[in-house]
Amino acid sequence: MTNEHDEPEMERSELAGEFTEDDVTVLVDIYRPAGTQNDWILEVITEEDDLTSWEEPFATDREAFEEFLATVERDGIRSFFGGEDPEPAVH
């Protein structure tokens, strides 16, 4: 018997959600365990279910979102899709 409460609840940032540029949409997921002051985790999920996760968490959800925006500006939104190196540079 499994208990649906085995996995911790996650708090999603108000900055999380769909992001579209050049007719390409990705899901920006910024979250941390609910009820904590832990750092925020940043993940980007494409329409093709490619997942990009940053190795280092962020002190604030705003920092996480700004890193996402900087990655899109630097590498383009298509950089999150498959390809040779879907992992963004770690800063």
PDB file of N, CA and C in Angstrom:
ATOM      1  N   MET A   1       0.844  -1.189   0.000  1.00  0.00           N
ATOM      2  CA  MET A   1       0.000   0.000   0.000  1.00  0.00           C
ATOM      3  C   MET A   1       0.887   1.250   0.000  1.00  0.00           C
ATOM      4  N   THR A   2       0.639   2.142  -0.905  1.00  0.00           N
ATOM      5  CA  THR A   2       1.427   3.371  -0.954  1.00  0.00           C
ATOM      6  C   THR A   2       0.606   4.526  -0.411  1.00  0.00           C
ATOM      7  N   ASN A   3       1.310   5.450   0.147  1.00  0.00           N
ATOM      8  CA  ASN A   3       0.674   6.630   0.719  1.00  0.00           C
ATOM      9  C   ASN A   3       0.991   7.814  -0.177  1.00  0.00           C
ATOM     10  N   GLU A   4      -0.026   8.521  -0.625  1.00  0.00           N
ATOM     11  CA  GLU A   4       0.211   9.642  -1.534  1.00  0.00           C
ATOM     12  C   GLU A   4       0.966  10.782  -0.865  1.00  0.00           C
ATOM     13  N   HIS A   5       1.139  10.694   0.444  1.00  0.00           N
ATOM     14  CA  HIS A   5       1.851  11.742   1.177  1.00  0.00           C
ATOM     15  C   HIS A   5       3.335  11.416   1.353  1.00  0.00           C
ATOM     16  N   ASP A   6       3.809  10.336   0.718  1.00  0.00           N
ATOM     17  CA  ASP A   6       5.212   9.956   0.834  1.00  0.00           C
ATOM     18  C   ASP A   6       6.130  11.001   0.205  1.00  0.00           C
ATOM     19  N   GLU A   7       5.712  11.605  -0.906  1.00  0.00           N
ATOM     20  CA  GLU A   7       6.532  12.617  -1.560  1.00  0.00           C
ATOM     21  C   GLU A   7       6.211  13.975  -0.947  1.00  0.00           C
ATOM     22  N   PRO A   8       7.247  14.764  -0.675  1.00  0.00           N
ATOM     23  CA  PRO A   8       6.989  16.075  -0.074  1.00  0.00           C
ATOM     24  C   PRO A   8       6.235  16.989  -1.035  1.00  0.00           C
ATOM     25  N   GLU A   9       5.402  17.841  -0.479  1.00  0.00           N
ATOM     26  CA  GLU A   9       4.695  18.840  -1.275  1.00  0.00           C
ATOM     27  C   GLU A   9       5.719  19.859  -1.787  1.00  0.00           C
ATOM     28  N   MET A  10       5.465  20.362  -2.980  1.00  0.00           N
ATOM     29  CA  MET A  10       6.356  21.366  -3.548  1.00  0.00           C
ATOM     30  C   MET A  10       5.625  22.699  -3.664  1.00  0.00           C
ATOM     31  N   GLU A  11       6.347  23.757  -3.378  1.00  0.00           N
ATOM     32  CA  GLU A  11       5.844  25.122  -3.542  1.00  0.00           C
ATOM     33  C   GLU A  11       6.357  25.626  -4.882  1.00  0.00           C
ATOM     34  N   ARG A  12       5.452  26.044  -5.755  1.00  0.00           N
ATOM     35  CA  ARG A  12       5.829  26.559  -7.059  1.00  0.00           C
ATOM     36  C   ARG A  12       5.899  28.084  -7.003  1.00  0.00           C
ATOM     37  N   SER A  13       6.904  28.628  -7.646  1.00  0.00           N
ATOM     38  CA  SER A  13       7.054  30.079  -7.737  1.00  0.00           C
ATOM     39  C   SER A  13       5.963  30.668  -8.621  1.00  0.00           C
ATOM     40  N   GLU A  14       5.565  31.897  -8.309  1.00  0.00           N
ATOM     41  CA  GLU A  14       4.621  32.596  -9.183  1.00  0.00           C
ATOM     42  C   GLU A  14       5.273  32.934 -10.524  1.00  0.00           C
ATOM     43  N   LEU A  15       6.593  32.829 -10.614  1.00  0.00           N
ATOM     44  CA  LEU A  15       7.314  33.081 -11.871  1.00  0.00           C
ATOM     45  C   LEU A  15       7.324  31.848 -12.776  1.00  0.00           C
ATOM     46  N   ALA A  16       6.959  30.687 -12.229  1.00  0.00           N
ATOM     47  CA  ALA A  16       6.922  29.454 -13.016  1.00  0.00           C
ATOM     48  C   ALA A  16       5.747  29.505 -13.984  1.00  0.00           C
ATOM     49  N   GLY A  17       5.889  28.810 -15.106  1.00  0.00           N
ATOM     50  CA  GLY A  17       4.796  28.745 -16.072  1.00  0.00           C
ATOM     51  C   GLY A  17       5.327  28.635 -17.485  1.00  0.00           C
ATOM     52  N   GLU A  18       4.424  28.749 -18.431  1.00  0.00           N
ATOM     53  CA  GLU A  18       4.815  28.648 -19.828  1.00  0.00           C
ATOM     54  C   GLU A  18       5.513  29.923 -20.276  1.00  0.00           C
ATOM     55  N   PHE A  19       6.500  29.745 -21.145  1.00  0.00           N
ATOM     56  CA  PHE A  19       7.251  30.862 -21.707  1.00  0.00           C
ATOM     57  C   PHE A  19       7.369  30.613 -23.207  1.00  0.00           C
ATOM     58  N   THR A  20       6.993  31.594 -24.006  1.00  0.00           N
ATOM     59  CA  THR A  20       7.012  31.440 -25.460  1.00  0.00           C
ATOM     60  C   THR A  20       7.891  32.507 -26.089  1.00  0.00           C
ATOM     61  N   GLU A  21       8.733  32.059 -27.015  1.00  0.00           N
ATOM     62  CA  GLU A  21       9.562  32.973 -27.811  1.00  0.00           C
ATOM     63  C   GLU A  21       9.757  32.337 -29.174  1.00  0.00           C
ATOM     64  N   ASP A  22       9.669  33.107 -30.228  1.00  0.00           N
ATOM     65  CA  ASP A  22       9.826  32.620 -31.605  1.00  0.00           C
ATOM     66  C   ASP A  22       8.917  31.429 -31.883  1.00  0.00           C
ATOM     67  N   ASP A  23       7.672  31.499 -31.402  1.00  0.00           N
ATOM     68  CA  ASP A  23       6.681  30.437 -31.602  1.00  0.00           C
ATOM     69  C   ASP A  23       7.087  29.107 -30.972  1.00  0.00           C
ATOM     70  N   VAL A  24       8.000  29.144 -30.012  1.00  0.00           N
ATOM     71  CA  VAL A  24       8.412  27.947 -29.270  1.00  0.00           C
ATOM     72  C   VAL A  24       8.021  28.162 -27.819  1.00  0.00           C
ATOM     73  N   THR A  25       7.332  27.176 -27.239  1.00  0.00           N
ATOM     74  CA  THR A  25       6.882  27.285 -25.855  1.00  0.00           C
ATOM     75  C   THR A  25       7.560  26.220 -24.999  1.00  0.00           C
ATOM     76  N   VAL A  26       8.041  26.637 -23.839  1.00  0.00           N
ATOM     77  CA  VAL A  26       8.603  25.712 -22.857  1.00  0.00           C
ATOM     78  C   VAL A  26       7.916  25.977 -21.515  1.00  0.00           C
ATOM     79  N   LEU A  27       8.000  25.006 -20.623  1.00  0.00           N
ATOM     80  CA  LEU A  27       7.487  25.158 -19.268  1.00  0.00           C
ATOM     81  C   LEU A  27       8.664  25.444 -18.353  1.00  0.00           C
ATOM     82  N   VAL A  28       8.620  26.584 -17.683  1.00  0.00           N
ATOM     83  CA  VAL A  28       9.654  26.959 -16.718  1.00  0.00           C
ATOM     84  C   VAL A  28       9.132  26.557 -15.341  1.00  0.00           C
ATOM     85  N   ASP A  29       9.825  25.623 -14.697  1.00  0.00           N
ATOM     86  CA  ASP A  29       9.395  25.130 -13.390  1.00  0.00           C
ATOM     87  C   ASP A  29      10.401  25.599 -12.338  1.00  0.00           C
ATOM     88  N   ILE A  30       9.933  26.391 -11.402  1.00  0.00           N
ATOM     89  CA  ILE A  30      10.768  26.917 -10.311  1.00  0.00           C
ATOM     90  C   ILE A  30      10.068  26.501  -9.019  1.00  0.00           C
ATOM     91  N   TYR A  31      10.732  25.685  -8.215  1.00  0.00           N
ATOM     92  CA  TYR A  31      10.054  25.134  -7.042  1.00  0.00           C
ATOM     93  C   TYR A  31      11.024  24.834  -5.910  1.00  0.00           C
ATOM     94  N   ARG A  32      10.458  24.577  -4.730  1.00  0.00           N
ATOM     95  CA  ARG A  32      11.206  24.152  -3.550  1.00  0.00           C
ATOM     96  C   ARG A  32      10.226  23.402  -2.644  1.00  0.00           C
ATOM     97  N   PRO A  33      10.740  22.640  -1.668  1.00  0.00           N
ATOM     98  CA  PRO A  33       9.826  21.954  -0.757  1.00  0.00           C
ATOM     99  C   PRO A  33       8.933  22.963  -0.035  1.00  0.00           C
ATOM    100  N   ALA A  34       7.646  22.665   0.023  1.00  0.00           N
ATOM    101  CA  ALA A  34       6.673  23.562   0.652  1.00  0.00           C
ATOM    102  C   ALA A  34       6.984  23.743   2.127  1.00  0.00           C
ATOM    103  N   GLY A  35       6.747  24.948   2.613  1.00  0.00           N
ATOM    104  CA  GLY A  35       6.920  25.239   4.025  1.00  0.00           C
ATOM    105  C   GLY A  35       8.359  25.394   4.456  1.00  0.00           C
ATOM    106  N   THR A  36       9.281  25.522   3.491  1.00  0.00           N
ATOM    107  CA  THR A  36      10.698  25.681   3.822  1.00  0.00           C
ATOM    108  C   THR A  36      11.202  27.003   3.277  1.00  0.00           C
ATOM    109  N   GLN A  37      12.395  27.353   3.685  1.00  0.00           N
ATOM    110  CA  GLN A  37      13.093  28.506   3.121  1.00  0.00           C
ATOM    111  C   GLN A  37      14.270  28.015   2.269  1.00  0.00           C
ATOM    112  N   ASN A  38      14.170  26.777   1.781  1.00  0.00           N
ATOM    113  CA  ASN A  38      15.225  26.197   0.950  1.00  0.00           C
ATOM    114  C   ASN A  38      15.409  27.001  -0.327  1.00  0.00           C
ATOM    115  N   ASP A  39      16.558  26.777  -0.971  1.00  0.00           N
ATOM    116  CA  ASP A  39      16.814  27.409  -2.257  1.00  0.00           C
ATOM    117  C   ASP A  39      15.857  26.846  -3.310  1.00  0.00           C
ATOM    118  N   TRP A  40      15.725  27.577  -4.412  1.00  0.00           N
ATOM    119  CA  TRP A  40      14.796  27.232  -5.484  1.00  0.00           C
ATOM    120  C   TRP A  40      15.481  26.392  -6.553  1.00  0.00           C
ATOM    121  N   ILE A  41      14.773  25.399  -7.080  1.00  0.00           N
ATOM    122  CA  ILE A  41      15.236  24.534  -8.164  1.00  0.00           C
ATOM    123  C   ILE A  41      14.647  25.068  -9.468  1.00  0.00           C
ATOM    124  N   LEU A  42      15.464  25.084 -10.522  1.00  0.00           N
ATOM    125  CA  LEU A  42      15.023  25.546 -11.838  1.00  0.00           C
ATOM    126  C   LEU A  42      15.102  24.396 -12.823  1.00  0.00           C
ATOM    127  N   GLU A  43      13.985  24.140 -13.504  1.00  0.00           N
ATOM    128  CA  GLU A  43      13.940  23.150 -14.574  1.00  0.00           C
ATOM    129  C   GLU A  43      13.153  23.741 -15.738  1.00  0.00           C
ATOM    130  N   VAL A  44      13.534  23.328 -16.945  1.00  0.00           N
ATOM    131  CA  VAL A  44      12.817  23.735 -18.148  1.00  0.00           C
ATOM    132  C   VAL A  44      12.405  22.462 -18.880  1.00  0.00           C
ATOM    133  N   ILE A  45      11.124  22.379 -19.228  1.00  0.00           N
ATOM    134  CA  ILE A  45      10.585  21.204 -19.902  1.00  0.00           C
ATOM    135  C   ILE A  45      10.020  21.654 -21.238  1.00  0.00           C
ATOM    136  N   THR A  46      10.447  20.980 -22.324  1.00  0.00           N
ATOM    137  CA  THR A  46       9.979  21.343 -23.662  1.00  0.00           C
ATOM    138  C   THR A  46       8.697  20.590 -23.997  1.00  0.00           C
ATOM    139  N   GLU A  47       8.082  20.984 -25.104  1.00  0.00           N
ATOM    140  CA  GLU A  47       6.881  20.294 -25.588  1.00  0.00           C
ATOM    141  C   GLU A  47       7.184  18.840 -25.926  1.00  0.00           C
ATOM    142  N   GLU A  48       8.456  18.522 -26.170  1.00  0.00           N
ATOM    143  CA  GLU A  48       8.867  17.156 -26.502  1.00  0.00           C
ATOM    144  C   GLU A  48       9.357  16.407 -25.269  1.00  0.00           C
ATOM    145  N   ASP A  49       9.095  16.967 -24.084  1.00  0.00           N
ATOM    146  CA  ASP A  49       9.483  16.381 -22.796  1.00  0.00           C
ATOM    147  C   ASP A  49      10.990  16.306 -22.580  1.00  0.00           C
ATOM    148  N   ASP A  50      11.760  17.159 -23.268  1.00  0.00           N
ATOM    149  CA  ASP A  50      13.176  17.309 -22.931  1.00  0.00           C
ATOM    150  C   ASP A  50      13.231  18.070 -21.615  1.00  0.00           C
ATOM    151  N   LEU A  51      14.068  17.614 -20.702  1.00  0.00           N
ATOM    152  CA  LEU A  51      14.176  18.242 -19.389  1.00  0.00           C
ATOM    153  C   LEU A  51      15.581  18.805 -19.215  1.00  0.00           C
ATOM    154  N   THR A  52      15.663  20.071 -18.851  1.00  0.00           N
ATOM    155  CA  THR A  52      16.935  20.711 -18.522  1.00  0.00           C
ATOM    156  C   THR A  52      16.846  21.141 -17.070  1.00  0.00           C
ATOM    157  N   SER A  53      17.786  20.660 -16.256  1.00  0.00           N
ATOM    158  CA  SER A  53      17.829  21.016 -14.831  1.00  0.00           C
ATOM    159  C   SER A  53      19.150  21.706 -14.535  1.00  0.00           C
ATOM    160  N   TRP A  54      19.102  22.741 -13.747  1.00  0.00           N
ATOM    161  CA  TRP A  54      20.322  23.398 -13.302  1.00  0.00           C
ATOM    162  C   TRP A  54      20.847  22.636 -12.093  1.00  0.00           C
ATOM    163  N   GLU A  55      22.150  22.427 -12.041  1.00  0.00           N
ATOM    164  CA  GLU A  55      22.757  21.663 -10.950  1.00  0.00           C
ATOM    165  C   GLU A  55      22.711  22.414  -9.631  1.00  0.00           C
ATOM    166  N   GLU A  56      22.893  23.718  -9.686  1.00  0.00           N
ATOM    167  CA  GLU A  56      22.929  24.525  -8.468  1.00  0.00           C
ATOM    168  C   GLU A  56      21.593  25.212  -8.239  1.00  0.00           C
ATOM    169  N   PRO A  57      21.069  25.154  -7.018  1.00  0.00           N
ATOM    170  CA  PRO A  57      19.828  25.865  -6.721  1.00  0.00           C
ATOM    171  C   PRO A  57      20.074  27.372  -6.611  1.00  0.00           C
ATOM    172  N   PHE A  58      18.999  28.131  -6.555  1.00  0.00           N
ATOM    173  CA  PHE A  58      19.052  29.583  -6.512  1.00  0.00           C
ATOM    174  C   PHE A  58      18.487  30.085  -5.196  1.00  0.00           C
ATOM    175  N   ALA A  59      19.071  31.146  -4.660  1.00  0.00           N
ATOM    176  CA  ALA A  59      18.631  31.700  -3.382  1.00  0.00           C
ATOM    177  C   ALA A  59      17.211  32.247  -3.460  1.00  0.00           C
ATOM    178  N   THR A  60      16.844  32.802  -4.623  1.00  0.00           N
ATOM    179  CA  THR A  60      15.487  33.340  -4.788  1.00  0.00           C
ATOM    180  C   THR A  60      14.895  32.834  -6.099  1.00  0.00           C
ATOM    181  N   ASP A  61      13.571  32.813  -6.167  1.00  0.00           N
ATOM    182  CA  ASP A  61      12.922  32.415  -7.410  1.00  0.00           C
ATOM    183  C   ASP A  61      13.203  33.430  -8.516  1.00  0.00           C
ATOM    184  N   ARG A  62      13.368  34.689  -8.166  1.00  0.00           N
ATOM    185  CA  ARG A  62      13.694  35.730  -9.143  1.00  0.00           C
ATOM    186  C   ARG A  62      15.057  35.443  -9.790  1.00  0.00           C
ATOM    187  N   GLU A  63      16.053  35.038  -8.987  1.00  0.00           N
ATOM    188  CA  GLU A  63      17.374  34.697  -9.546  1.00  0.00           C
ATOM    189  C   GLU A  63      17.262  33.520 -10.511  1.00  0.00           C
ATOM    190  N   ALA A  64      16.447  32.541 -10.161  1.00  0.00           N
ATOM    191  CA  ALA A  64      16.262  31.380 -11.034  1.00  0.00           C
ATOM    192  C   ALA A  64      15.653  31.817 -12.367  1.00  0.00           C
ATOM    193  N   PHE A  65      14.611  32.654 -12.305  1.00  0.00           N
ATOM    194  CA  PHE A  65      13.953  33.105 -13.528  1.00  0.00           C
ATOM    195  C   PHE A  65      14.887  33.966 -14.367  1.00  0.00           C
ATOM    196  N   GLU A  66      15.670  34.815 -13.726  1.00  0.00           N
ATOM    197  CA  GLU A  66      16.619  35.651 -14.464  1.00  0.00           C
ATOM    198  C   GLU A  66      17.687  34.801 -15.147  1.00  0.00           C
ATOM    199  N   GLU A  67      18.104  33.692 -14.516  1.00  0.00           N
ATOM    200  CA  GLU A  67      19.062  32.785 -15.151  1.00  0.00           C
ATOM    201  C   GLU A  67      18.423  32.129 -16.375  1.00  0.00           C
ATOM    202  N   PHE A  68      17.162  31.747 -16.258  1.00  0.00           N
ATOM    203  CA  PHE A  68      16.449  31.196 -17.416  1.00  0.00           C
ATOM    204  C   PHE A  68      16.432  32.211 -18.560  1.00  0.00           C
ATOM    205  N   LEU A  69      16.051  33.451 -18.260  1.00  0.00           N
ATOM    206  CA  LEU A  69      15.994  34.491 -19.293  1.00  0.00           C
ATOM    207  C   LEU A  69      17.373  34.732 -19.911  1.00  0.00           C
ATOM    208  N   ALA A  70      18.417  34.739 -19.094  1.00  0.00           N
ATOM    209  CA  ALA A  70      19.777  34.950 -19.597  1.00  0.00           C
ATOM    210  C   ALA A  70      20.190  33.807 -20.523  1.00  0.00           C
ATOM    211  N   THR A  71      19.783  32.579 -20.178  1.00  0.00           N
ATOM    212  CA  THR A  71      20.100  31.425 -21.023  1.00  0.00           C
ATOM    213  C   THR A  71      19.380  31.533 -22.361  1.00  0.00           C
ATOM    214  N   VAL A  72      18.115  31.950 -22.349  1.00  0.00           N
ATOM    215  CA  VAL A  72      17.368  32.126 -23.595  1.00  0.00           C
ATOM    216  C   VAL A  72      18.028  33.206 -24.449  1.00  0.00           C
ATOM    217  N   GLU A  73      18.429  34.321 -23.827  1.00  0.00           N
ATOM    218  CA  GLU A  73      19.064  35.406 -24.583  1.00  0.00           C
ATOM    219  C   GLU A  73      20.412  34.971 -25.162  1.00  0.00           C
ATOM    220  N   ARG A  74      21.178  34.217 -24.371  1.00  0.00           N
ATOM    221  CA  ARG A  74      22.518  33.802 -24.787  1.00  0.00           C
ATOM    222  C   ARG A  74      22.488  32.654 -25.795  1.00  0.00           C
ATOM    223  N   ASP A  75      21.652  31.627 -25.529  1.00  0.00           N
ATOM    224  CA  ASP A  75      21.700  30.388 -26.307  1.00  0.00           C
ATOM    225  C   ASP A  75      20.476  30.159 -27.186  1.00  0.00           C
ATOM    226  N   GLY A  76      19.407  30.938 -26.960  1.00  0.00           N
ATOM    227  CA  GLY A  76      18.167  30.745 -27.707  1.00  0.00           C
ATOM    228  C   GLY A  76      17.259  29.730 -27.032  1.00  0.00           C
ATOM    229  N   ILE A  77      15.965  29.887 -27.256  1.00  0.00           N
ATOM    230  CA  ILE A  77      15.003  28.997 -26.590  1.00  0.00           C
ATOM    231  C   ILE A  77      15.120  27.566 -27.111  1.00  0.00           C
ATOM    232  N   ARG A  78      15.586  27.412 -28.342  1.00  0.00           N
ATOM    233  CA  ARG A  78      15.727  26.059 -28.897  1.00  0.00           C
ATOM    234  C   ARG A  78      16.872  25.279 -28.251  1.00  0.00           C
ATOM    235  N   SER A  79      17.695  25.950 -27.461  1.00  0.00           N
ATOM    236  CA  SER A  79      18.805  25.253 -26.794  1.00  0.00           C
ATOM    237  C   SER A  79      18.302  24.249 -25.763  1.00  0.00           C
ATOM    238  N   PHE A  80      17.031  24.338 -25.382  1.00  0.00           N
ATOM    239  CA  PHE A  80      16.476  23.399 -24.403  1.00  0.00           C
ATOM    240  C   PHE A  80      15.981  22.109 -25.039  1.00  0.00           C
ATOM    241  N   PHE A  81      15.998  22.049 -26.374  1.00  0.00           N
ATOM    242  CA  PHE A  81      15.519  20.864 -27.076  1.00  0.00           C
ATOM    243  C   PHE A  81      16.671  19.946 -27.421  1.00  0.00           C
ATOM    244  N   GLY A  82      16.568  18.669 -27.009  1.00  0.00           N
ATOM    245  CA  GLY A  82      17.509  17.618 -27.403  1.00  0.00           C
ATOM    246  C   GLY A  82      18.902  18.125 -27.703  1.00  0.00           C
ATOM    247  N   GLY A  83      19.408  17.781 -28.854  1.00  0.00           N
ATOM    248  CA  GLY A  83      20.704  18.292 -29.291  1.00  0.00           C
ATOM    249  C   GLY A  83      21.863  17.633 -28.579  1.00  0.00           C
ATOM    250  N   GLU A  84      23.060  18.087 -28.925  1.00  0.00           N
ATOM    251  CA  GLU A  84      24.270  17.486 -28.403  1.00  0.00           C
ATOM    252  C   GLU A  84      24.476  17.767 -26.928  1.00  0.00           C
ATOM    253  N   ASP A  85      24.179  19.003 -26.507  1.00  0.00           N
ATOM    254  CA  ASP A  85      24.431  19.373 -25.111  1.00  0.00           C
ATOM    255  C   ASP A  85      23.243  20.163 -24.568  1.00  0.00           C
ATOM    256  N   PRO A  86      22.170  19.439 -24.131  1.00  0.00           N
ATOM    257  CA  PRO A  86      20.996  20.161 -23.655  1.00  0.00           C
ATOM    258  C   PRO A  86      21.190  20.806 -22.300  1.00  0.00           C
ATOM    259  N   GLU A  87      22.293  20.491 -21.610  1.00  0.00           N
ATOM    260  CA  GLU A  87      22.539  21.018 -20.271  1.00  0.00           C
ATOM    261  C   GLU A  87      23.134  22.431 -20.368  1.00  0.00           C
ATOM    262  N   PRO A  88      22.504  23.414 -19.755  1.00  0.00           N
ATOM    263  CA  PRO A  88      23.090  24.762 -19.805  1.00  0.00           C
ATOM    264  C   PRO A  88      24.358  24.843 -18.967  1.00  0.00           C
ATOM    265  N   ALA A  89      25.152  25.836 -19.238  1.00  0.00           N
ATOM    266  CA  ALA A  89      26.363  26.042 -18.448  1.00  0.00           C
ATOM    267  C   ALA A  89      25.985  26.317 -17.005  1.00  0.00           C
ATOM    268  N   VAL A  90      26.771  25.790 -16.095  1.00  0.00           N
ATOM    269  CA  VAL A  90      26.524  26.014 -14.669  1.00  0.00           C
ATOM    270  C   VAL A  90      27.318  27.232 -14.240  1.00  0.00           C
ATOM    271  N   HIS A  91      26.651  28.146 -13.558  1.00  0.00           N
ATOM    272  CA  HIS A  91      27.328  29.385 -13.127  1.00  0.00           C
ATOM    273  C   HIS A  91      27.467  29.406 -11.628  1.00  0.00           C
TER     274      HIS A  91
END
